[in-house]
Amino acid sequence: MNMVDLPKPIAAYVEANARLDIDGMLKPLLPDAVFIDNGKHFAGHAAIRRLFEEEVVPVKAIFTPDMVREESSNVVVVEGPAHGDFPGSPLRFTYSFKLANGAITMLEITV
């Protein structure tokens, strides 16, 4: 899938994730964004940063989208494998992004 197919804030998040760049992954998220990782809720940049530092970067979890669909005017669902140093890698994930004003307000990740 070509990154051009993704809305700008989602493309920025995915590109930063490919570099394991925490600041880059946070940049397209609003300061009060909510990140739901398999049912666990993290609200705001500080909590999301801790999640990235403790659970994403150490296992080098990199998401590679291969499907995208718009569910509504502000919800975009992106699917694809994530590779890294974690059991079962690669695993297929679904990322549901809620967008507003050119930024990510919520991201929910499920397996």
Protein backbone atom coordinates (compact mmCIF):
# COMPACT_ATOMS: atom_id res chain seq x y z
CA MET A 1 0.00 0.00 0.00
CA ASN A 2 1.23 3.46 -0.83
CA MET A 3 1.43 5.98 2.04
CA VAL A 4 -0.29 8.50 -0.25
CA ASP A 5 -3.50 6.55 0.40
CA LEU A 6 -3.43 7.44 4.11
CA PRO A 7 -4.67 10.73 5.55
CA LYS A 8 -1.73 12.95 6.55
CA PRO A 9 -1.83 12.42 10.35
CA ILE A 10 -2.06 8.64 9.92
CA ALA A 11 0.76 8.58 7.36
CA ALA A 12 2.89 10.66 9.75
CA TYR A 13 2.20 8.23 12.61
CA VAL A 14 2.99 5.15 10.48
CA GLU A 15 6.18 6.71 9.08
CA ALA A 16 7.39 7.65 12.58
CA ASN A 17 6.55 4.15 13.84
CA ALA A 18 8.72 2.67 11.06
CA ARG A 19 11.63 4.65 12.56
CA LEU A 20 10.56 3.85 16.16
CA ASP A 21 10.50 7.63 16.63
CA ILE A 22 8.40 8.30 19.75
CA ASP A 23 8.25 12.08 19.29
CA GLY A 24 7.22 11.56 15.68
CA MET A 25 4.48 9.11 16.68
CA LEU A 26 3.14 11.58 19.24
CA LYS A 27 3.22 14.60 16.91
CA PRO A 28 0.02 13.77 14.92
CA LEU A 29 -1.89 12.96 18.14
CA LEU A 30 -3.75 15.74 19.92
CA PRO A 31 -2.35 16.40 23.42
CA ASP A 32 -5.47 14.84 24.99
CA ALA A 33 -5.72 11.95 22.50
CA VAL A 34 -6.81 8.53 23.71
CA PHE A 35 -4.86 5.42 22.72
CA ILE A 36 -6.55 2.05 23.30
CA ASP A 37 -4.20 -0.91 23.00
CA ASN A 38 -6.13 -4.20 23.11
CA GLY A 39 -8.55 -2.80 25.68
CA LYS A 40 -6.00 -0.85 27.78
CA HIS A 41 -6.67 2.93 27.76
CA PHE A 42 -3.95 5.58 27.72
CA ALA A 43 -4.98 9.26 27.73
CA GLY A 44 -2.71 12.15 26.84
CA HIS A 45 0.83 12.38 25.52
CA ALA A 46 2.55 11.45 28.81
CA ALA A 47 0.67 8.15 29.17
CA ILE A 48 0.99 7.32 25.48
CA ARG A 49 4.73 8.12 25.57
CA ARG A 50 5.16 5.63 28.44
CA LEU A 51 3.33 3.00 26.41
CA PHE A 52 5.65 3.59 23.44
CA GLU A 53 8.75 3.58 25.67
CA GLU A 54 7.76 0.43 27.56
CA GLU A 55 5.90 -1.70 25.00
CA VAL A 56 6.59 -0.54 21.43
CA VAL A 57 10.23 0.50 21.14
CA PRO A 58 11.76 -2.32 23.29
CA VAL A 59 10.20 -4.99 21.03
CA LYS A 60 10.72 -2.95 17.85
CA ALA A 61 7.01 -3.22 16.95
CA ILE A 62 6.60 -1.76 13.47
CA PHE A 63 3.19 -1.65 11.81
CA THR A 64 3.01 -1.99 8.02
CA PRO A 65 -0.46 -1.14 6.70
CA ASP A 66 -1.74 -3.01 3.68
CA MET A 67 -5.47 -2.13 3.78
CA VAL A 68 -7.34 1.08 4.54
CA ARG A 69 -11.02 1.95 4.63
CA GLU A 70 -12.99 4.99 5.73
CA GLU A 71 -15.79 4.04 8.11
CA SER A 72 -17.17 7.55 8.48
CA SER A 73 -16.09 11.10 7.78
CA ASN A 74 -13.74 11.03 10.77
CA VAL A 75 -12.91 7.32 11.31
CA VAL A 76 -10.31 5.53 9.22
CA VAL A 77 -9.50 1.85 9.76
CA VAL A 78 -6.07 0.61 8.74
CA GLU A 79 -5.06 -3.06 8.79
CA GLY A 80 -1.76 -4.85 8.36
CA PRO A 81 0.98 -6.84 10.00
CA ALA A 82 3.24 -5.65 12.79
CA HIS A 83 6.71 -7.12 12.96
CA GLY A 84 9.07 -7.07 15.89
CA ASP A 85 10.73 -8.98 18.68
CA PHE A 86 7.50 -10.24 20.27
CA PRO A 87 5.82 -13.66 20.41
CA GLY A 88 3.93 -14.55 17.25
CA SER A 89 5.55 -11.85 15.11
CA PRO A 90 4.33 -10.90 12.65
CA LEU A 91 0.79 -10.41 13.93
CA ARG A 92 -2.03 -8.80 11.97
CA PHE A 93 -3.48 -5.70 13.65
CA THR A 94 -6.40 -3.37 13.04
CA TYR A 95 -5.82 0.30 13.82
CA SER A 96 -8.94 2.45 14.08
CA PHE A 97 -8.08 6.15 13.89
CA LYS A 98 -10.51 8.91 14.83
CA LEU A 99 -9.53 12.22 13.26
CA ALA A 100 -10.44 15.85 13.91
CA ASN A 101 -8.92 19.10 12.70
CA GLY A 102 -6.07 17.32 10.89
CA ALA A 103 -4.98 15.33 13.94
CA ILE A 104 -5.57 11.97 15.61
CA THR A 105 -7.97 12.21 18.55
CA MET A 106 -8.22 8.47 19.23
CA LEU A 107 -6.38 5.35 18.14
CA GLU A 108 -7.65 1.89 18.97
CA ILE A 109 -5.48 -1.14 18.20
CA THR A 110 -6.83 -4.70 18.16
CA VAL A 111 -5.40 -8.03 17.04
